[in-house]
Protein backbone atom coordinates (compact mmCIF):
# COMPACT_ATOMS: atom_id res chain seq x y z
CA MET A 1 -52.53 -37.53 207.29
CA ALA A 2 -52.45 -39.52 204.04
CA VAL A 3 -49.17 -41.16 203.02
CA HIS A 4 -47.98 -40.55 199.47
CA SER A 5 -44.27 -41.43 199.73
CA ILE A 6 -44.42 -45.16 198.92
CA SER A 7 -43.38 -46.39 195.46
CA LYS A 8 -45.76 -46.96 192.56
CA GLU A 9 -45.07 -50.68 192.75
CA MET A 10 -46.07 -50.78 196.40
CA VAL A 11 -49.19 -48.69 195.71
CA SER A 12 -50.30 -51.21 193.11
CA ALA A 13 -50.06 -53.93 195.75
CA PHE A 14 -52.91 -52.25 197.61
CA GLY A 15 -55.31 -53.02 194.78
CA ASN A 16 -58.50 -50.97 194.95
CA ALA A 17 -57.98 -49.89 198.55
CA ASP A 18 -58.46 -46.18 199.16
CA ILE A 19 -55.15 -45.40 200.84
CA SER A 20 -56.06 -41.83 201.74
CA GLN A 21 -59.00 -43.00 203.85
CA GLN A 22 -57.95 -46.41 205.19
CA LEU A 23 -54.30 -45.77 206.02
CA SER A 24 -52.89 -42.87 208.02
CA PHE A 25 -49.50 -41.53 209.02
CA ARG A 26 -49.87 -43.27 212.38
CA ASN A 27 -50.20 -46.72 210.76
CA PHE A 28 -46.89 -46.42 208.96
CA VAL A 29 -45.05 -44.85 211.88
CA GLY A 30 -46.23 -47.78 214.02
CA PHE A 31 -45.04 -50.24 211.39
CA ARG A 32 -41.57 -48.70 211.13
CA ASN A 33 -41.25 -48.69 214.90
CA ALA A 34 -42.27 -52.37 215.03
CA TYR A 35 -39.83 -53.25 212.26
CA ARG A 36 -36.91 -51.97 214.33
CA MET A 37 -38.08 -53.99 217.31
CA ALA A 38 -39.08 -57.10 215.36
CA GLU A 39 -36.92 -59.35 217.50
CA SER A 40 -39.18 -58.59 220.46
CA THR A 41 -42.83 -59.70 220.66
CA SER A 42 -43.50 -56.72 222.95
CA ALA A 43 -42.89 -54.13 220.26
CA ARG A 44 -44.64 -50.86 221.13
CA LEU A 45 -45.75 -47.78 219.29
CA TYR A 46 -43.78 -44.57 219.66
CA GLY A 47 -46.34 -43.18 222.09
CA GLY A 48 -46.39 -46.38 224.18
CA GLY A 49 -49.00 -49.10 224.17
CA SER A 50 -49.59 -52.85 224.13
CA LEU A 51 -48.95 -55.52 221.54
CA ARG A 52 -52.69 -55.53 220.91
CA SER A 53 -52.67 -51.84 219.96
CA LEU A 54 -49.71 -52.50 217.68
CA GLU A 55 -51.56 -55.30 215.91
CA LYS A 56 -54.56 -52.98 215.50
CA CYS A 57 -52.28 -50.39 213.93
CA LEU A 58 -50.69 -52.87 211.49
CA LYS A 59 -53.83 -54.76 210.46
CA PRO A 60 -55.12 -52.10 207.97
CA ILE A 61 -51.78 -52.22 206.13
CA GLU A 62 -51.75 -56.03 206.02
CA ASP A 63 -55.37 -56.11 204.84
CA ALA A 64 -54.57 -53.67 202.03
CA LEU A 65 -51.45 -55.54 200.98
CA GLY A 66 -52.99 -58.96 201.40
CA ALA A 67 -49.85 -60.22 203.09
CA PRO A 68 -48.37 -60.26 206.59
CA LEU A 69 -45.72 -57.73 207.55
CA PHE A 70 -44.17 -59.96 210.21
CA ILE A 71 -43.74 -63.72 210.55
CA ALA A 72 -42.86 -65.93 213.47
CA ARG A 73 -39.18 -66.64 213.99
CA LYS A 74 -37.97 -70.12 214.86
CA GLY A 75 -37.07 -70.18 218.52
CA GLY A 76 -39.46 -67.37 219.39
CA GLY A 77 -39.97 -63.77 218.49
CA VAL A 78 -40.87 -62.27 215.13
CA CYS A 79 -39.07 -61.00 212.07
CA SER A 80 -40.19 -58.97 209.11
CA SER A 81 -41.63 -60.70 206.07
CA ALA A 82 -40.55 -60.02 202.50
CA MET A 83 -43.49 -57.60 202.19
CA GLY A 84 -42.44 -55.95 205.44
CA GLU A 85 -38.90 -55.48 204.15
CA ARG A 86 -40.20 -53.89 200.97
CA LEU A 87 -42.61 -51.61 202.80
CA PHE A 88 -39.93 -50.46 205.22
CA THR A 89 -37.69 -49.50 202.30
CA ASP A 90 -40.45 -47.68 200.43
CA THR A 91 -41.67 -45.67 203.44
CA GLY A 92 -38.28 -44.31 204.44
CA GLY A 93 -39.35 -40.77 203.56
CA ILE A 94 -42.03 -40.70 206.26
CA GLU A 95 -39.62 -40.14 209.13
CA LYS A 96 -37.70 -37.52 207.20
CA ALA A 97 -40.97 -35.73 206.52
CA MET A 98 -41.86 -35.94 210.20
CA ASP A 99 -38.48 -34.46 211.16
CA ARG A 100 -39.02 -31.60 208.73
CA LEU A 101 -42.50 -31.03 210.12
CA MET A 102 -41.22 -30.85 213.69
CA GLU A 103 -38.49 -28.44 212.63
CA LYS A 104 -41.11 -26.26 210.97
CA VAL A 105 -43.29 -26.36 214.11
CA SER A 106 -40.28 -25.23 216.16
CA GLU A 107 -39.55 -22.42 213.72
CA ILE A 108 -43.16 -21.25 213.87
CA ARG A 109 -43.15 -21.33 217.66
CA GLU A 110 -39.88 -19.40 217.88
CA ALA A 111 -40.95 -16.86 215.27
CA ARG A 112 -44.52 -16.25 216.45
CA VAL A 113 -45.72 -12.78 215.52
CA LEU A 114 -48.30 -10.95 217.61
CA ARG A 115 -50.19 -8.73 215.19
CA VAL A 116 -51.54 -5.72 217.03
CA GLY A 117 -54.26 -3.75 215.31
CA ALA A 118 -55.53 -0.20 215.80
CA ASN A 119 -57.06 2.54 213.71
CA ALA A 120 -55.23 5.72 212.77
CA ALA A 121 -56.73 7.71 215.63
CA THR A 122 -55.71 5.23 218.31
CA PHE A 123 -52.27 4.76 216.78
CA ARG A 124 -51.51 8.46 217.26
CA THR A 125 -52.28 8.48 220.97
CA ASP A 126 -49.49 8.41 223.51
CA ALA A 127 -51.28 5.65 225.41
CA PHE A 128 -51.24 3.23 222.49
CA ARG A 129 -47.63 3.96 221.63
CA ARG A 130 -46.62 3.27 225.21
CA VAL A 131 -48.57 0.00 225.16
CA PHE A 132 -46.85 -0.95 221.90
CA ARG A 133 -43.40 -0.22 223.35
CA VAL A 134 -44.11 -2.33 226.42
CA LEU A 135 -45.42 -5.23 224.32
CA GLY A 136 -42.18 -5.09 222.38
CA SER A 137 -40.26 -5.82 225.56
CA PHE A 138 -41.74 -9.34 225.92
CA ASP A 139 -39.79 -12.35 224.67
CA ASP A 140 -42.76 -14.61 223.84
CA PHE A 141 -43.27 -13.18 220.36
CA ARG A 142 -42.26 -10.67 217.76
CA LEU A 143 -44.51 -7.63 217.41
CA ALA A 144 -46.15 -6.20 214.30
CA TYR A 145 -48.60 -3.33 213.84
CA VAL A 146 -51.59 -3.77 211.51
CA PRO A 147 -53.67 -0.68 210.60
CA ILE A 148 -57.36 -1.60 210.90
CA ALA A 149 -60.42 0.65 210.88
CA GLU A 150 -62.50 0.58 214.07
CA SER A 151 -65.55 -0.59 212.12
CA ASP A 152 -63.52 -3.53 210.79
CA SER A 153 -62.04 -4.62 214.12
CA ALA A 154 -64.36 -7.56 214.82
CA SER A 155 -63.97 -9.11 211.38
CA ALA A 156 -60.19 -8.56 211.51
CA LEU A 157 -60.01 -10.57 214.72
CA THR A 158 -62.27 -13.41 213.56
CA GLN A 159 -60.54 -13.65 210.18
CA GLY A 160 -57.08 -13.72 211.76
CA ARG A 161 -55.80 -10.46 210.26
CA CYS A 162 -54.80 -9.31 213.74
CA ASP A 163 -54.46 -11.04 217.10
CA TRP A 164 -55.17 -8.13 219.45
CA TYR A 165 -57.06 -4.96 218.60
CA PHE A 166 -56.76 -1.75 220.63
CA GLY A 167 -59.25 1.09 220.60
CA PHE A 168 -61.62 3.25 222.62
CA HIS A 169 -64.82 1.58 221.43
CA HIS A 170 -66.05 -1.85 222.43
CA SER A 171 -66.36 -4.35 219.57
CA GLY A 172 -68.90 -6.86 220.83
CA GLY A 173 -69.56 -10.45 219.93
CA GLU A 174 -69.58 -13.76 221.77
CA ARG A 175 -66.25 -14.74 220.23
CA ILE A 176 -64.48 -11.56 221.39
CA ILE A 177 -63.18 -10.71 224.85
CA THR A 178 -62.71 -7.02 225.69
CA GLU A 179 -60.41 -5.94 228.53
CA GLN A 180 -59.48 -2.51 229.84
CA ILE A 181 -55.74 -2.08 229.42
CA THR A 182 -55.07 1.42 230.73
CA GLN A 183 -56.72 4.77 231.38
CA VAL A 184 -55.98 7.78 229.23
CA PRO A 185 -55.73 11.34 230.59
CA LEU A 186 -57.96 14.00 229.05
CA ARG A 187 -56.82 17.22 227.42
CA VAL A 188 -58.51 20.06 225.52
CA TYR A 189 -57.02 21.66 222.40
CA ARG A 190 -57.89 24.96 220.76
CA ARG A 191 -57.60 25.46 217.04
CA SER A 192 -55.36 28.49 216.62
CA SER A 193 -53.31 30.17 213.93
CA SER A 194 -49.55 29.62 213.78
CA SER A 195 -48.94 33.10 215.20
CA GLN A 196 -50.88 32.18 218.35
CA ALA A 197 -49.40 28.72 218.87
CA GLY A 198 -46.43 28.13 221.08
CA ALA A 199 -43.17 26.51 220.01
CA GLY A 200 -42.50 22.78 220.20
CA MET A 201 -44.75 19.75 219.98
CA MET A 202 -47.73 19.92 222.31
CA ARG A 203 -49.17 16.95 224.16
CA GLY A 204 -52.79 16.26 225.00
CA GLY A 205 -55.88 14.02 224.84
CA CYS A 206 -59.59 13.78 223.78
CA ILE A 207 -62.99 12.27 224.71
CA THR A 208 -66.04 11.25 222.67
CA PRO A 209 -69.75 10.94 223.53
CA GLU A 210 -69.38 7.15 223.59
CA MET A 211 -66.24 7.25 225.72
CA GLY A 212 -67.42 9.23 228.71
CA GLY A 213 -68.96 12.43 230.04
CA ARG A 214 -68.05 16.08 229.73
CA SER A 215 -65.85 17.46 232.48
CA LYS A 216 -67.40 20.31 234.46
CA SER A 217 -64.16 22.21 234.03
CA TYR A 218 -64.49 22.26 230.22
CA PRO A 219 -65.99 25.34 228.59
CA SER A 220 -69.49 24.90 227.17
CA ASN A 221 -68.20 25.24 223.59
CA VAL A 222 -65.92 22.16 223.81
CA ARG A 223 -66.87 20.11 220.76
CA LEU A 224 -67.10 16.41 221.51
CA GLN A 225 -66.11 14.48 218.40
CA PRO A 226 -66.43 10.80 217.47
CA GLU A 227 -63.05 9.11 217.58
CA ILE A 228 -62.35 9.41 213.88
CA GLY A 229 -63.62 13.01 213.95
CA TRP A 230 -61.02 14.53 216.21
CA ASP A 231 -58.26 12.70 214.37
CA ARG A 232 -59.56 14.12 211.09
CA TYR A 233 -59.33 17.62 212.54
CA PHE A 234 -55.78 17.04 213.77
CA GLU A 235 -54.79 15.69 210.37
CA ASN A 236 -56.67 18.43 208.48
CA PRO A 237 -56.70 21.52 210.71
CA ASP A 238 -58.03 23.71 207.88
CA GLU A 239 -61.36 21.90 208.28
CA CYS A 240 -61.63 23.18 211.87
CA ALA A 241 -62.54 26.82 212.54
CA ASP A 242 -60.13 28.96 214.55
CA GLY A 243 -60.99 29.09 218.23
CA ARG A 244 -62.90 25.79 218.29
CA LEU A 245 -62.06 23.54 221.22
CA ILE A 246 -61.50 19.83 220.60
CA CYS A 247 -61.34 17.19 223.31
CA ALA A 248 -59.45 13.96 222.41
CA PRO A 249 -57.15 11.23 223.86
CA GLU A 250 -53.65 12.36 224.74
CA ILE A 251 -51.85 12.83 221.47
CA SER A 252 -49.04 14.67 219.72
CA VAL A 253 -50.34 17.46 217.50
CA ASP A 254 -48.93 20.07 215.15
CA PRO A 255 -48.14 23.22 217.22
CA LYS A 256 -48.69 25.40 214.16
CA PHE A 257 -52.43 24.77 214.40
CA TRP A 258 -53.22 23.62 217.93
CA ARG A 259 -52.69 24.95 221.41
CA GLN A 260 -53.27 22.94 224.54
CA GLU A 261 -55.77 24.59 226.87
CA ALA A 262 -55.20 24.67 230.62
CA SER A 263 -57.94 22.47 232.09
CA ARG A 264 -58.47 20.28 235.13
CA THR A 265 -59.24 16.62 234.34
CA GLY A 266 -60.09 15.36 237.81
CA ASP A 267 -63.79 16.14 237.35
CA SER A 268 -64.16 13.81 234.37
CA GLU A 269 -63.92 10.08 233.87
CA PRO A 270 -60.64 9.14 232.12
CA LEU A 271 -60.80 7.30 228.83
CA ALA A 272 -60.29 3.54 228.79
CA LEU A 273 -57.98 2.05 226.18
CA LEU A 274 -59.46 -1.37 225.44
CA GLY A 275 -57.80 -4.54 224.18
CA MET A 276 -59.96 -6.95 222.17
CA ARG A 277 -59.05 -10.54 221.26
CA LEU A 278 -60.69 -13.81 220.33
CA ARG A 279 -61.99 -15.89 223.23
CA TYR A 280 -60.26 -18.94 221.77
CA HIS A 281 -56.93 -18.13 220.15
CA PRO A 282 -54.12 -20.52 219.11
CA TYR A 283 -51.53 -18.48 221.02
CA GLU A 284 -51.53 -20.06 224.48
CA PHE A 285 -49.85 -17.00 226.02
CA LEU A 286 -52.49 -14.51 224.85
CA PRO A 287 -55.14 -15.01 227.60
CA GLY A 288 -52.69 -14.02 230.34
CA LEU A 289 -50.92 -11.31 228.35
CA ALA A 290 -53.31 -8.53 229.33
CA ASP A 291 -52.49 -8.93 233.03
CA ARG A 292 -48.76 -9.07 232.28
CA LEU A 293 -49.06 -5.97 230.11
CA LYS A 294 -50.99 -4.02 232.74
CA GLN A 295 -48.47 -4.98 235.42
CA ARG A 296 -45.55 -3.86 233.29
CA LEU A 297 -47.33 -0.61 232.43
CA PHE A 298 -47.81 -0.05 236.16
CA ASP A 299 -44.17 -0.84 236.96
CA ALA A 300 -42.57 1.05 234.11
CA PRO A 301 -42.31 4.85 234.35
CA GLU A 302 -43.95 6.79 231.57
CA ALA A 303 -41.69 8.30 228.96
């Protein structure tokens, strides 16, 4: 870290030396620590060390200034030189800057935000909303939702736009780890007119060709839709013909247009809600969060 807080007069004393390359934050911190302990020849750096390491830390400054920072004291020990006194005065802002930096680091740590991404289809499923509620119960971070298209999930993770992406499709890549978070029950919905639909919000779920196989209990005319397809039909029911059956992850739908069909789900593989994250992420808690989340999902009763 280059030091820019010393006075213009002191900078001129360095002549043609390139301060930004030859002198670092550590050199000046070591000097200020030594200044306070100048009466002792065993002065040490903040992080601990020998007199030899201290001399190594101070030498670049003395070489640039062309003058010693400390001189021998009669009777033993050392004291600061005139140049040392001046430098100590002119670098007083370094410690204040360090204090501000540490305060900022603490603020960042205490206010860490876990950005959870998902596309519109996944966001509408009961499984994702339950996962989001459970994540909100942890104290390690604050939670935020980021809408991200499934096709954009990998780039969103690598570019840092989200920290954890949830979906029903695997987003590969050596930098990305994919973990199964929970299994989603399957339901079948029939597109129906408002006169045929029952009252109240209906619950249900859906499957895609990439997500699993067709249940033997489903009628032959069940239309398997890609993930974004079934969500488009639920959002725009007029695009779906009356009587068509749609299979999708468990979701809340408009009862004016959809009716849940009675169907057994034991004959079909359940859907897997996947969590995807970077293999190496700055949040130290993230690698173990999936196991904590799955345990809490297991312990907590479903709403």
